[in-house]
Amino acid sequence: QVQLVESGGGLVQPGGSLRLSCVASGFVLDYYVIGWFRQAPGKEREGVSCIGSSDGNTYYADSAKGRFTISRDNARNTVYLQMNSLKPEDTAVYYCALGTLGAVVAGKPDYWGQGTQVTVSS
């Protein structure tokens, strides 16, 4: 019953910016972590960034620090990932994900969205 719907992906030139959105519904948990993973062709899925629903604590992978910013709008039940200074290496399918703190930290969120394609190319 949990639904995560991503949007905002697309084709961007290197150095450009993009903002991803994830609208969540059907939550059962009062406390959870929601964020973003990505997977490029031939590579393992990796965590990018996440934020706690209650405390607002954030996490960023080293590759995202200084370039990406995660935020949330609780009234709209939406999480955003602002991506700046995009590089070709950022090309991947980006997945919104939700779970308990332990599950997300372990790289095994309880719920996944369908993903949105981000392509960084000149």
PDB file of N, CA and C in Angstrom:
ATOM      1  N   GLN A   1       0.805  -1.205   0.000  1.00  0.00           N
ATOM      2  CA  GLN A   1       0.000   0.000   0.000  1.00  0.00           C
ATOM      3  C   GLN A   1       0.844   1.263   0.000  1.00  0.00           C
ATOM      4  N   VAL A   2       2.121   1.110   0.293  1.00  0.00           N
ATOM      5  CA  VAL A   2       3.029   2.247   0.230  1.00  0.00           C
ATOM      6  C   VAL A   2       3.356   2.533  -1.232  1.00  0.00           C
ATOM      7  N   GLN A   3       3.229   3.774  -1.601  1.00  0.00           N
ATOM      8  CA  GLN A   3       3.506   4.194  -2.967  1.00  0.00           C
ATOM      9  C   GLN A   3       4.556   5.296  -2.971  1.00  0.00           C
ATOM     10  N   LEU A   4       5.550   5.127  -3.805  1.00  0.00           N
ATOM     11  CA  LEU A   4       6.591   6.122  -3.992  1.00  0.00           C
ATOM     12  C   LEU A   4       6.676   6.412  -5.479  1.00  0.00           C
ATOM     13  N   VAL A   5       6.456   7.657  -5.847  1.00  0.00           N
ATOM     14  CA  VAL A   5       6.428   8.037  -7.251  1.00  0.00           C
ATOM     15  C   VAL A   5       7.458   9.116  -7.506  1.00  0.00           C
ATOM     16  N   GLU A   6       8.461   8.780  -8.308  1.00  0.00           N
ATOM     17  CA  GLU A   6       9.525   9.721  -8.630  1.00  0.00           C
ATOM     18  C   GLU A   6       9.210  10.501  -9.895  1.00  0.00           C
ATOM     19  N   SER A   7       9.799  11.667  -9.988  1.00  0.00           N
ATOM     20  CA  SER A   7       9.705  12.470 -11.190  1.00  0.00           C
ATOM     21  C   SER A   7      10.884  13.433 -11.225  1.00  0.00           C
ATOM     22  N   GLY A   8      11.091  14.051 -12.366  1.00  0.00           N
ATOM     23  CA  GLY A   8      12.119  15.065 -12.489  1.00  0.00           C
ATOM     24  C   GLY A   8      13.368  14.642 -13.228  1.00  0.00           C
ATOM     25  N   GLY A   9      13.463  13.381 -13.590  1.00  0.00           N
ATOM     26  CA  GLY A   9      14.617  12.937 -14.336  1.00  0.00           C
ATOM     27  C   GLY A   9      14.609  13.475 -15.749  1.00  0.00           C
ATOM     28  N   GLY A  10      15.743  13.340 -16.411  1.00  0.00           N
ATOM     29  CA  GLY A  10      15.843  13.817 -17.773  1.00  0.00           C
ATOM     30  C   GLY A  10      17.274  13.886 -18.239  1.00  0.00           C
ATOM     31  N   LEU A  11      17.464  14.537 -19.364  1.00  0.00           N
ATOM     32  CA  LEU A  11      18.779  14.711 -19.964  1.00  0.00           C
ATOM     33  C   LEU A  11      19.327  16.080 -19.603  1.00  0.00           C
ATOM     34  N   VAL A  12      20.526  16.094 -19.045  1.00  0.00           N
ATOM     35  CA  VAL A  12      21.169  17.329 -18.618  1.00  0.00           C
ATOM     36  C   VAL A  12      22.613  17.336 -19.088  1.00  0.00           C
ATOM     37  N   GLN A  13      23.108  18.502 -19.443  1.00  0.00           N
ATOM     38  CA  GLN A  13      24.509  18.632 -19.814  1.00  0.00           C
ATOM     39  C   GLN A  13      25.394  18.663 -18.575  1.00  0.00           C
ATOM     40  N   PRO A  14      26.644  18.234 -18.702  1.00  0.00           N
ATOM     41  CA  PRO A  14      27.558  18.310 -17.567  1.00  0.00           C
ATOM     42  C   PRO A  14      27.608  19.719 -16.994  1.00  0.00           C
ATOM     43  N   GLY A  15      27.597  19.800 -15.670  1.00  0.00           N
ATOM     44  CA  GLY A  15      27.575  21.081 -14.995  1.00  0.00           C
ATOM     45  C   GLY A  15      26.185  21.618 -14.739  1.00  0.00           C
ATOM     46  N   GLY A  16      25.193  20.994 -15.311  1.00  0.00           N
ATOM     47  CA  GLY A  16      23.826  21.429 -15.146  1.00  0.00           C
ATOM     48  C   GLY A  16      23.211  20.951 -13.846  1.00  0.00           C
ATOM     49  N   SER A  17      21.947  21.290 -13.672  1.00  0.00           N
ATOM     50  CA  SER A  17      21.223  20.969 -12.451  1.00  0.00           C
ATOM     51  C   SER A  17      19.909  20.281 -12.766  1.00  0.00           C
ATOM     52  N   LEU A  18      19.443  19.542 -11.788  1.00  0.00           N
ATOM     53  CA  LEU A  18      18.184  18.830 -11.919  1.00  0.00           C
ATOM     54  C   LEU A  18      17.609  18.621 -10.526  1.00  0.00           C
ATOM     55  N   ARG A  19      16.301  18.669 -10.406  1.00  0.00           N
ATOM     56  CA  ARG A  19      15.667  18.398  -9.128  1.00  0.00           C
ATOM     57  C   ARG A  19      14.714  17.223  -9.262  1.00  0.00           C
ATOM     58  N   LEU A  20      14.966  16.200  -8.482  1.00  0.00           N
ATOM     59  CA  LEU A  20      14.103  15.039  -8.446  1.00  0.00           C
ATOM     60  C   LEU A  20      13.077  15.188  -7.333  1.00  0.00           C
ATOM     61  N   SER A  21      11.896  14.650  -7.565  1.00  0.00           N
ATOM     62  CA  SER A  21      10.834  14.680  -6.570  1.00  0.00           C
ATOM     63  C   SER A  21      10.324  13.267  -6.324  1.00  0.00           C
ATOM     64  N   CYS A  22       9.913  13.017  -5.108  1.00  0.00           N
ATOM     65  CA  CYS A  22       9.313  11.741  -4.742  1.00  0.00           C
ATOM     66  C   CYS A  22       8.099  12.012  -3.872  1.00  0.00           C
ATOM     67  N   VAL A  23       6.948  11.634  -4.370  1.00  0.00           N
ATOM     68  CA  VAL A  23       5.705  11.784  -3.621  1.00  0.00           C
ATOM     69  C   VAL A  23       5.374  10.448  -2.972  1.00  0.00           C
ATOM     70  N   ALA A  24       5.217  10.468  -1.672  1.00  0.00           N
ATOM     71  CA  ALA A  24       4.976   9.249  -0.916  1.00  0.00           C
ATOM     72  C   ALA A  24       3.555   9.224  -0.365  1.00  0.00           C
ATOM     73  N   SER A  25       2.991   8.028  -0.303  1.00  0.00           N
ATOM     74  CA  SER A  25       1.659   7.854   0.251  1.00  0.00           C
ATOM     75  C   SER A  25       1.539   6.466   0.855  1.00  0.00           C
ATOM     76  N   GLY A  26       0.524   6.291   1.696  1.00  0.00           N
ATOM     77  CA  GLY A  26       0.253   4.992   2.276  1.00  0.00           C
ATOM     78  C   GLY A  26       1.213   4.557   3.359  1.00  0.00           C
ATOM     79  N   PHE A  27       1.840   5.505   4.030  1.00  0.00           N
ATOM     80  CA  PHE A  27       2.793   5.162   5.082  1.00  0.00           C
ATOM     81  C   PHE A  27       2.114   4.478   6.260  1.00  0.00           C
ATOM     82  N   VAL A  28       2.781   3.497   6.780  1.00  0.00           N
ATOM     83  CA  VAL A  28       2.356   2.822   7.992  1.00  0.00           C
ATOM     84  C   VAL A  28       3.208   3.266   9.176  1.00  0.00           C
ATOM     85  N   LEU A  29       4.461   3.505   8.922  1.00  0.00           N
ATOM     86  CA  LEU A  29       5.406   3.891   9.962  1.00  0.00           C
ATOM     87  C   LEU A  29       5.279   5.362  10.321  1.00  0.00           C
ATOM     88  N   ASP A  30       5.403   5.646  11.597  1.00  0.00           N
ATOM     89  CA  ASP A  30       5.440   7.030  12.047  1.00  0.00           C
ATOM     90  C   ASP A  30       6.842   7.610  11.926  1.00  0.00           C
ATOM     91  N   TYR A  31       7.822   6.758  12.090  1.00  0.00           N
ATOM     92  CA  TYR A  31       9.214   7.161  11.987  1.00  0.00           C
ATOM     93  C   TYR A  31       9.879   6.349  10.886  1.00  0.00           C
ATOM     94  N   TYR A  32      10.517   7.024   9.981  1.00  0.00           N
ATOM     95  CA  TYR A  32      11.125   6.358   8.854  1.00  0.00           C
ATOM     96  C   TYR A  32      12.212   7.234   8.252  1.00  0.00           C
ATOM     97  N   VAL A  33      12.945   6.647   7.359  1.00  0.00           N
ATOM     98  CA  VAL A  33      13.956   7.346   6.587  1.00  0.00           C
ATOM     99  C   VAL A  33      13.582   7.223   5.117  1.00  0.00           C
ATOM    100  N   ILE A  34      13.655   8.318   4.419  1.00  0.00           N
ATOM    101  CA  ILE A  34      13.336   8.308   2.995  1.00  0.00           C
ATOM    102  C   ILE A  34      14.462   8.985   2.240  1.00  0.00           C
ATOM    103  N   GLY A  35      14.758   8.474   1.065  1.00  0.00           N
ATOM    104  CA  GLY A  35      15.835   9.074   0.298  1.00  0.00           C
ATOM    105  C   GLY A  35      15.990   8.458  -1.069  1.00  0.00           C
ATOM    106  N   TRP A  36      17.229   8.503  -1.545  1.00  0.00           N
ATOM    107  CA  TRP A  36      17.506   8.162  -2.928  1.00  0.00           C
ATOM    108  C   TRP A  36      18.660   7.194  -3.065  1.00  0.00           C
ATOM    109  N   PHE A  37      18.459   6.217  -3.922  1.00  0.00           N
ATOM    110  CA  PHE A  37      19.503   5.323  -4.387  1.00  0.00           C
ATOM    111  C   PHE A  37      19.626   5.504  -5.892  1.00  0.00           C
ATOM    112  N   ARG A  38      20.707   5.016  -6.451  1.00  0.00           N
ATOM    113  CA  ARG A  38      20.851   5.068  -7.894  1.00  0.00           C
ATOM    114  C   ARG A  38      21.582   3.831  -8.385  1.00  0.00           C
ATOM    115  N   GLN A  39      21.341   3.513  -9.641  1.00  0.00           N
ATOM    116  CA  GLN A  39      22.006   2.372 -10.249  1.00  0.00           C
ATOM    117  C   GLN A  39      22.331   2.684 -11.701  1.00  0.00           C
ATOM    118  N   ALA A  40      23.603   2.616 -12.012  1.00  0.00           N
ATOM    119  CA  ALA A  40      24.069   2.802 -13.374  1.00  0.00           C
ATOM    120  C   ALA A  40      24.230   1.440 -14.034  1.00  0.00           C
ATOM    121  N   PRO A  41      24.169   1.386 -15.362  1.00  0.00           N
ATOM    122  CA  PRO A  41      24.331   0.103 -16.057  1.00  0.00           C
ATOM    123  C   PRO A  41      25.636  -0.582 -15.680  1.00  0.00           C
ATOM    124  N   GLY A  42      25.549  -1.847 -15.320  1.00  0.00           N
ATOM    125  CA  GLY A  42      26.725  -2.609 -14.970  1.00  0.00           C
ATOM    126  C   GLY A  42      27.274  -2.358 -13.586  1.00  0.00           C
ATOM    127  N   LYS A  43      26.605  -1.540 -12.806  1.00  0.00           N
ATOM    128  CA  LYS A  43      27.076  -1.222 -11.473  1.00  0.00           C
ATOM    129  C   LYS A  43      26.032  -1.592 -10.422  1.00  0.00           C
ATOM    130  N   GLU A  44      26.501  -1.718  -9.194  1.00  0.00           N
ATOM    131  CA  GLU A  44      25.599  -2.015  -8.096  1.00  0.00           C
ATOM    132  C   GLU A  44      24.801  -0.781  -7.706  1.00  0.00           C
ATOM    133  N   ARG A  45      23.635  -1.031  -7.160  1.00  0.00           N
ATOM    134  CA  ARG A  45      22.830   0.060  -6.651  1.00  0.00           C
ATOM    135  C   ARG A  45      23.512   0.659  -5.426  1.00  0.00           C
ATOM    136  N   GLU A  46      23.545   1.976  -5.353  1.00  0.00           N
ATOM    137  CA  GLU A  46      24.215   2.640  -4.261  1.00  0.00           C
ATOM    138  C   GLU A  46      23.345   3.739  -3.659  1.00  0.00           C
ATOM    139  N   GLY A  47      23.527   3.955  -2.378  1.00  0.00           N
ATOM    140  CA  GLY A  47      22.814   5.020  -1.707  1.00  0.00           C
ATOM    141  C   GLY A  47      23.383   6.373  -2.076  1.00  0.00           C
ATOM    142  N   VAL A  48      22.515   7.349  -2.222  1.00  0.00           N
ATOM    143  CA  VAL A  48      22.918   8.705  -2.582  1.00  0.00           C
ATOM    144  C   VAL A  48      22.694   9.666  -1.422  1.00  0.00           C
ATOM    145  N   SER A  49      21.471   9.689  -0.912  1.00  0.00           N
ATOM    146  CA  SER A  49      21.129  10.609   0.159  1.00  0.00           C
ATOM    147  C   SER A  49      19.828  10.178   0.807  1.00  0.00           C
ATOM    148  N   CYS A  50      19.671  10.499   2.079  1.00  0.00           N
ATOM    149  CA  CYS A  50      18.417  10.210   2.758  1.00  0.00           C
ATOM    150  C   CYS A  50      18.185  11.211   3.878  1.00  0.00           C
ATOM    151  N   ILE A  51      16.942  11.247   4.353  1.00  0.00           N
ATOM    152  CA  ILE A  51      16.556  12.185   5.398  1.00  0.00           C
ATOM    153  C   ILE A  51      15.567  11.514   6.337  1.00  0.00           C
ATOM    154  N   GLY A  52      15.681  11.786   7.622  1.00  0.00           N
ATOM    155  CA  GLY A  52      14.779  11.230   8.602  1.00  0.00           C
ATOM    156  C   GLY A  52      13.460  11.968   8.639  1.00  0.00           C
ATOM    157  N   SER A  53      12.372  11.222   8.817  1.00  0.00           N
ATOM    158  CA  SER A  53      11.050  11.838   8.809  1.00  0.00           C
ATOM    159  C   SER A  53      10.794  12.702  10.026  1.00  0.00           C
ATOM    160  N   SER A  54      11.352  12.333  11.157  1.00  0.00           N
ATOM    161  CA  SER A  54      11.083  13.044  12.398  1.00  0.00           C
ATOM    162  C   SER A  54      12.149  14.072  12.768  1.00  0.00           C
ATOM    163  N   ASP A  55      13.402  13.680  12.685  1.00  0.00           N
ATOM    164  CA  ASP A  55      14.469  14.575  13.122  1.00  0.00           C
ATOM    165  C   ASP A  55      15.090  15.405  12.004  1.00  0.00           C
ATOM    166  N   GLY A  56      14.837  15.028  10.762  1.00  0.00           N
ATOM    167  CA  GLY A  56      15.383  15.765   9.638  1.00  0.00           C
ATOM    168  C   GLY A  56      16.856  15.553   9.398  1.00  0.00           C
ATOM    169  N   ASN A  57      17.468  14.623  10.099  1.00  0.00           N
ATOM    170  CA  ASN A  57      18.880  14.336   9.872  1.00  0.00           C
ATOM    171  C   ASN A  57      19.095  13.846   8.456  1.00  0.00           C
ATOM    172  N   THR A  58      20.190  14.278   7.870  1.00  0.00           N
ATOM    173  CA  THR A  58      20.480  13.938   6.482  1.00  0.00           C
ATOM    174  C   THR A  58      21.763  13.151   6.358  1.00  0.00           C
ATOM    175  N   TYR A  59      21.837  12.401   5.294  1.00  0.00           N
ATOM    176  CA  TYR A  59      23.031  11.650   4.956  1.00  0.00           C
ATOM    177  C   TYR A  59      23.313  11.846   3.483  1.00  0.00           C
ATOM    178  N   TYR A  60      24.601  11.975   3.164  1.00  0.00           N
ATOM    179  CA  TYR A  60      25.024  12.080   1.774  1.00  0.00           C
ATOM    180  C   TYR A  60      26.192  11.146   1.521  1.00  0.00           C
ATOM    181  N   ALA A  61      26.124  10.450   0.425  1.00  0.00           N
ATOM    182  CA  ALA A  61      27.281   9.690  -0.021  1.00  0.00           C
ATOM    183  C   ALA A  61      28.399  10.656  -0.380  1.00  0.00           C
ATOM    184  N   ASP A  62      29.625  10.176  -0.310  1.00  0.00           N
ATOM    185  CA  ASP A  62      30.754  11.041  -0.619  1.00  0.00           C
ATOM    186  C   ASP A  62      30.638  11.663  -2.008  1.00  0.00           C
ATOM    187  N   SER A  63      30.114  10.909  -2.943  1.00  0.00           N
ATOM    188  CA  SER A  63      29.985  11.401  -4.306  1.00  0.00           C
ATOM    189  C   SER A  63      28.968  12.529  -4.433  1.00  0.00           C
ATOM    190  N   ALA A  64      28.082  12.650  -3.446  1.00  0.00           N
ATOM    191  CA  ALA A  64      27.025  13.649  -3.503  1.00  0.00           C
ATOM    192  C   ALA A  64      27.308  14.887  -2.667  1.00  0.00           C
ATOM    193  N   LYS A  65      28.191  14.780  -1.713  1.00  0.00           N
ATOM    194  CA  LYS A  65      28.473  15.884  -0.807  1.00  0.00           C
ATOM    195  C   LYS A  65      28.955  17.115  -1.564  1.00  0.00           C
ATOM    196  N   GLY A  66      28.370  18.248  -1.223  1.00  0.00           N
ATOM    197  CA  GLY A  66      28.747  19.499  -1.849  1.00  0.00           C
ATOM    198  C   GLY A  66      28.042  19.788  -3.149  1.00  0.00           C
ATOM    199  N   ARG A  67      27.366  18.801  -3.708  1.00  0.00           N
ATOM    200  CA  ARG A  67      26.675  18.977  -4.981  1.00  0.00           C
ATOM    201  C   ARG A  67      25.176  18.721  -4.887  1.00  0.00           C
ATOM    202  N   PHE A  68      24.795  17.770  -4.061  1.00  0.00           N
ATOM    203  CA  PHE A  68      23.389  17.393  -3.936  1.00  0.00           C
ATOM    204  C   PHE A  68      22.833  17.857  -2.601  1.00  0.00           C
ATOM    205  N   THR A  69      21.557  18.186  -2.586  1.00  0.00           N
ATOM    206  CA  THR A  69      20.876  18.574  -1.364  1.00  0.00           C
ATOM    207  C   THR A  69      19.527  17.878  -1.287  1.00  0.00           C
ATOM    208  N   ILE A  70      19.282  17.199  -0.179  1.00  0.00           N
ATOM    209  CA  ILE A  70      17.998  16.551   0.024  1.00  0.00           C
ATOM    210  C   ILE A  70      17.142  17.418   0.932  1.00  0.00           C
ATOM    211  N   SER A  71      15.865  17.476   0.648  1.00  0.00           N
ATOM    212  CA  SER A  71      14.939  18.252   1.454  1.00  0.00           C
ATOM    213  C   SER A  71      13.571  17.594   1.422  1.00  0.00           C
ATOM    214  N   ARG A  72      12.695  18.073   2.270  1.00  0.00           N
ATOM    215  CA  ARG A  72      11.362  17.493   2.332  1.00  0.00           C
ATOM    216  C   ARG A  72      10.306  18.560   2.544  1.00  0.00           C
ATOM    217  N   ASP A  73       9.107  18.261   2.084  1.00  0.00           N
ATOM    218  CA  ASP A  73       7.937  19.095   2.307  1.00  0.00           C
ATOM    219  C   ASP A  73       6.887  18.167   2.903  1.00  0.00           C
ATOM    220  N   ASN A  74       6.793  18.160   4.214  1.00  0.00           N
ATOM    221  CA  ASN A  74       5.902  17.226   4.886  1.00  0.00           C
ATOM    222  C   ASN A  74       4.429  17.459   4.533  1.00  0.00           C
ATOM    223  N   ALA A  75       4.060  18.711   4.293  1.00  0.00           N
ATOM    224  CA  ALA A  75       2.678  19.008   3.939  1.00  0.00           C
ATOM    225  C   ALA A  75       2.293  18.345   2.623  1.00  0.00           C
ATOM    226  N   ARG A  76       3.242  18.224   1.727  1.00  0.00           N
ATOM    227  CA  ARG A  76       2.989  17.595   0.437  1.00  0.00           C
ATOM    228  C   ARG A  76       3.456  16.146   0.395  1.00  0.00           C
ATOM    229  N   ASN A  77       4.007  15.669   1.499  1.00  0.00           N
ATOM    230  CA  ASN A  77       4.545  14.310   1.562  1.00  0.00           C
ATOM    231  C   ASN A  77       5.529  14.060   0.422  1.00  0.00           C
ATOM    232  N   THR A  78       6.401  15.013   0.237  1.00  0.00           N
ATOM    233  CA  THR A  78       7.313  14.981  -0.891  1.00  0.00           C
ATOM    234  C   THR A  78       8.750  15.179  -0.435  1.00  0.00           C
ATOM    235  N   VAL A  79       9.635  14.431  -1.038  1.00  0.00           N
ATOM    236  CA  VAL A  79      11.065  14.560  -0.806  1.00  0.00           C
ATOM    237  C   VAL A  79      11.723  14.973  -2.112  1.00  0.00           C
ATOM    238  N   TYR A  80      12.686  15.860  -2.012  1.00  0.00           N
ATOM    239  CA  TYR A  80      13.376  16.370  -3.186  1.00  0.00           C
ATOM    240  C   TYR A  80      14.862  16.055  -3.113  1.00  0.00           C
ATOM    241  N   LEU A  81      15.448  15.935  -4.272  1.00  0.00           N
ATOM    242  CA  LEU A  81      16.897  15.847  -4.375  1.00  0.00           C
ATOM    243  C   LEU A  81      17.346  16.868  -5.406  1.00  0.00           C
ATOM    244  N   GLN A  82      17.932  17.943  -4.924  1.00  0.00           N
ATOM    245  CA  GLN A  82      18.483  18.959  -5.806  1.00  0.00           C
ATOM    246  C   GLN A  82      19.891  18.554  -6.174  1.00  0.00           C
ATOM    247  N   MET A  83      20.137  18.399  -7.457  1.00  0.00           N
ATOM    248  CA  MET A  83      21.429  17.954  -7.945  1.00  0.00           C
ATOM    249  C   MET A  83      22.054  19.055  -8.784  1.00  0.00           C
ATOM    250  N   ASN A  84      23.196  19.530  -8.339  1.00  0.00           N
ATOM    251  CA  ASN A  84      23.931  20.570  -9.042  1.00  0.00           C
ATOM    252  C   ASN A  84      25.281  20.046  -9.505  1.00  0.00           C
ATOM    253  N   SER A  85      25.888  20.779 -10.410  1.00  0.00           N
ATOM    254  CA  SER A  85      27.207  20.412 -10.930  1.00  0.00           C
ATOM    255  C   SER A  85      27.249  18.959 -11.372  1.00  0.00           C
ATOM    256  N   LEU A  86      26.261  18.571 -12.124  1.00  0.00           N
ATOM    257  CA  LEU A  86      26.132  17.177 -12.522  1.00  0.00           C
ATOM    258  C   LEU A  86      27.274  16.740 -13.433  1.00  0.00           C
ATOM    259  N   LYS A  87      27.668  15.495 -13.242  1.00  0.00           N
ATOM    260  CA  LYS A  87      28.746  14.892 -13.999  1.00  0.00           C
ATOM    261  C   LYS A  87      28.222  13.689 -14.772  1.00  0.00           C
ATOM    262  N   PRO A  88      28.905  13.299 -15.839  1.00  0.00           N
ATOM    263  CA  PRO A  88      28.489  12.086 -16.547  1.00  0.00           C
ATOM    264  C   PRO A  88      28.414  10.866 -15.636  1.00  0.00           C
ATOM    265  N   GLU A  89      29.251  10.827 -14.611  1.00  0.00           N
ATOM    266  CA  GLU A  89      29.242   9.720 -13.671  1.00  0.00           C
ATOM    267  C   GLU A  89      27.956   9.640 -12.854  1.00  0.00           C
ATOM    268  N   ASP A  90      27.170  10.708 -12.857  1.00  0.00           N
ATOM    269  CA  ASP A  90      25.898  10.710 -12.146  1.00  0.00           C
ATOM    270  C   ASP A  90      24.786  10.038 -12.942  1.00  0.00           C
ATOM    271  N   THR A  91      25.062   9.703 -14.182  1.00  0.00           N
ATOM    272  CA  THR A  91      24.065   9.049 -15.018  1.00  0.00           C
ATOM    273  C   THR A  91      23.648   7.720 -14.399  1.00  0.00           C
ATOM    274  N   ALA A  92      22.360   7.565 -14.166  1.00  0.00           N
ATOM    275  CA  ALA A  92      21.838   6.370 -13.526  1.00  0.00           C
ATOM    276  C   ALA A  92      20.322   6.470 -13.444  1.00  0.00           C
ATOM    277  N   VAL A  93      19.711   5.363 -13.080  1.00  0.00           N
ATOM    278  CA  VAL A  93      18.314   5.393 -12.682  1.00  0.00           C
ATOM    279  C   VAL A  93      18.282   5.705 -11.197  1.00  0.00           C
ATOM    280  N   TYR A  94      17.548   6.720 -10.834  1.00  0.00           N
ATOM    281  CA  TYR A  94      17.453   7.134  -9.448  1.00  0.00           C
ATOM    282  C   TYR A  94      16.144   6.631  -8.853  1.00  0.00           C
ATOM    283  N   TYR A  95      16.263   5.968  -7.718  1.00  0.00           N
ATOM    284  CA  TYR A  95      15.118   5.368  -7.060  1.00  0.00           C
ATOM    285  C   TYR A  95      14.839   6.039  -5.721  1.00  0.00           C
ATOM    286  N   CYS A  96      13.618   6.410  -5.519  1.00  0.00           N
ATOM    287  CA  CYS A  96      13.174   6.832  -4.206  1.00  0.00           C
ATOM    288  C   CYS A  96      12.974   5.586  -3.347  1.00  0.00           C
ATOM    289  N   ALA A  97      13.337   5.672  -2.088  1.00  0.00           N
ATOM    290  CA  ALA A  97      13.235   4.515  -1.212  1.00  0.00           C
ATOM    291  C   ALA A  97      12.851   4.940   0.198  1.00  0.00           C
ATOM    292  N   LEU A  98      12.198   4.035   0.908  1.00  0.00           N
ATOM    293  CA  LEU A  98      11.721   4.321   2.254  1.00  0.00           C
ATOM    294  C   LEU A  98      11.875   3.093   3.130  1.00  0.00           C
ATOM    295  N   GLY A  99      12.187   3.317   4.385  1.00  0.00           N
ATOM    296  CA  GLY A  99      12.288   2.212   5.312  1.00  0.00           C
ATOM    297  C   GLY A  99      12.645   2.671   6.706  1.00  0.00           C
ATOM    298  N   THR A 100      12.835   1.712   7.592  1.00  0.00           N
ATOM    299  CA  THR A 100      13.327   2.034   8.923  1.00  0.00           C
ATOM    300  C   THR A 100      14.765   2.499   8.812  1.00  0.00           C
ATOM    301  N   LEU A 101      15.237   3.144   9.842  1.00  0.00           N
ATOM    302  CA  LEU A 101      16.607   3.628   9.839  1.00  0.00           C
ATOM    303  C   LEU A 101      17.583   2.485   9.591  1.00  0.00           C
ATOM    304  N   GLY A 102      17.386   1.387  10.290  1.00  0.00           N
ATOM    305  CA  GLY A 102      18.288   0.261  10.134  1.00  0.00           C
ATOM    306  C   GLY A 102      18.289  -0.301   8.729  1.00  0.00           C
ATOM    307  N   ALA A 103      17.120  -0.402   8.128  1.00  0.00           N
ATOM    308  CA  ALA A 103      17.023  -0.959   6.787  1.00  0.00           C
ATOM    309  C   ALA A 103      17.705  -0.063   5.761  1.00  0.00           C
ATOM    310  N   VAL A 104      17.492   1.219   5.863  1.00  0.00           N
ATOM    311  CA  VAL A 104      18.063   2.145   4.896  1.00  0.00           C
ATOM    312  C   VAL A 104      19.581   2.216   5.050  1.00  0.00           C
ATOM    313  N   VAL A 105      20.051   2.283   6.285  1.00  0.00           N
ATOM    314  CA  VAL A 105      21.490   2.325   6.521  1.00  0.00           C
ATOM    315  C   VAL A 105      22.168   1.071   5.980  1.00  0.00           C
ATOM    316  N   ALA A 106      21.474  -0.052   6.065  1.00  0.00           N
ATOM    317  CA  ALA A 106      22.005  -1.315   5.559  1.00  0.00           C
ATOM    318  C   ALA A 106      21.885  -1.435   4.049  1.00  0.00           C
ATOM    319  N   GLY A 107      21.310  -0.432   3.401  1.00  0.00           N
ATOM    320  CA  GLY A 107      21.140  -0.490   1.960  1.00  0.00           C
ATOM    321  C   GLY A 107      19.983  -1.348   1.513  1.00  0.00           C
ATOM    322  N   LYS A 108      19.068  -1.644   2.431  1.00  0.00           N
ATOM    323  CA  LYS A 108      17.930  -2.493   2.117  1.00  0.00           C
ATOM    324  C   LYS A 108      16.623  -1.832   2.554  1.00  0.00           C
ATOM    325  N   PRO A 109      16.242  -0.768   1.878  1.00  0.00           N
ATOM    326  CA  PRO A 109      14.975  -0.111   2.216  1.00  0.00           C
ATOM    327  C   PRO A 109      13.793  -1.054   2.064  1.00  0.00           C
ATOM    328  N   ASP A 110      12.733  -0.773   2.785  1.00  0.00           N
ATOM    329  CA  ASP A 110      11.551  -1.626   2.744  1.00  0.00           C
ATOM    330  C   ASP A 110      10.707  -1.399   1.497  1.00  0.00           C
ATOM    331  N   TYR A 111      10.761  -0.201   0.945  1.00  0.00           N
ATOM    332  CA  TYR A 111       9.948   0.132  -0.209  1.00  0.00           C
ATOM    333  C   TYR A 111      10.759   0.917  -1.231  1.00  0.00           C
ATOM    334  N   TRP A 112      10.419   0.681  -2.497  1.00  0.00           N
ATOM    335  CA  TRP A 112      11.093   1.338  -3.603  1.00  0.00           C
ATOM    336  C   TRP A 112      10.086   1.948  -4.568  1.00  0.00           C
ATOM    337  N   GLY A 113      10.491   3.049  -5.170  1.00  0.00           N
ATOM    338  CA  GLY A 113       9.748   3.565  -6.291  1.00  0.00           C
ATOM    339  C   GLY A 113      10.202   2.885  -7.574  1.00  0.00           C
ATOM    340  N   GLN A 114       9.616   3.274  -8.690  1.00  0.00           N
ATOM    341  CA  GLN A 114       9.947   2.661  -9.969  1.00  0.00           C
ATOM    342  C   GLN A 114      11.199   3.239 -10.611  1.00  0.00           C
ATOM    343  N   GLY A 115      11.626   4.386 -10.160  1.00  0.00           N
ATOM    344  CA  GLY A 115      12.843   4.981 -10.663  1.00  0.00           C
ATOM    345  C   GLY A 115      12.604   6.024 -11.732  1.00  0.00           C
ATOM    346  N   THR A 116      13.547   6.934 -11.840  1.00  0.00           N
ATOM    347  CA  THR A 116      13.522   7.948 -12.881  1.00  0.00           C
ATOM    348  C   THR A 116      14.925   8.079 -13.459  1.00  0.00           C
ATOM    349  N   GLN A 117      15.015   8.135 -14.767  1.00  0.00           N
ATOM    350  CA  GLN A 117      16.299   8.143 -15.448  1.00  0.00           C
ATOM    351  C   GLN A 117      16.921   9.529 -15.442  1.00  0.00           C
ATOM    352  N   VAL A 118      18.170   9.588 -15.034  1.00  0.00           N
ATOM    353  CA  VAL A 118      18.959  10.812 -15.114  1.00  0.00           C
ATOM    354  C   VAL A 118      20.132  10.541 -16.036  1.00  0.00           C
ATOM    355  N   THR A 119      20.248  11.331 -17.080  1.00  0.00           N
ATOM    356  CA  THR A 119      21.339  11.184 -18.027  1.00  0.00           C
ATOM    357  C   THR A 119      22.097  12.499 -18.124  1.00  0.00           C
ATOM    358  N   VAL A 120      23.384  12.443 -17.846  1.00  0.00           N
ATOM    359  CA  VAL A 120      24.242  13.624 -17.922  1.00  0.00           C
ATOM    360  C   VAL A 120      25.204  13.418 -19.080  1.00  0.00           C
ATOM    361  N   SER A 121      25.011  14.179 -20.118  1.00  0.00           N
ATOM    362  CA  SER A 121      25.802  13.995 -21.328  1.00  0.00           C
ATOM    363  C   SER A 121      25.818  15.269 -22.146  1.00  0.00           C
ATOM    364  N   SER A 122      26.926  15.489 -22.828  1.00  0.00           N
ATOM    365  CA  SER A 122      27.033  16.613 -23.741  1.00  0.00           C
ATOM    366  C   SER A 122      26.677  16.203 -25.153  1.00  0.00           C
TER     367      SER A 122
END
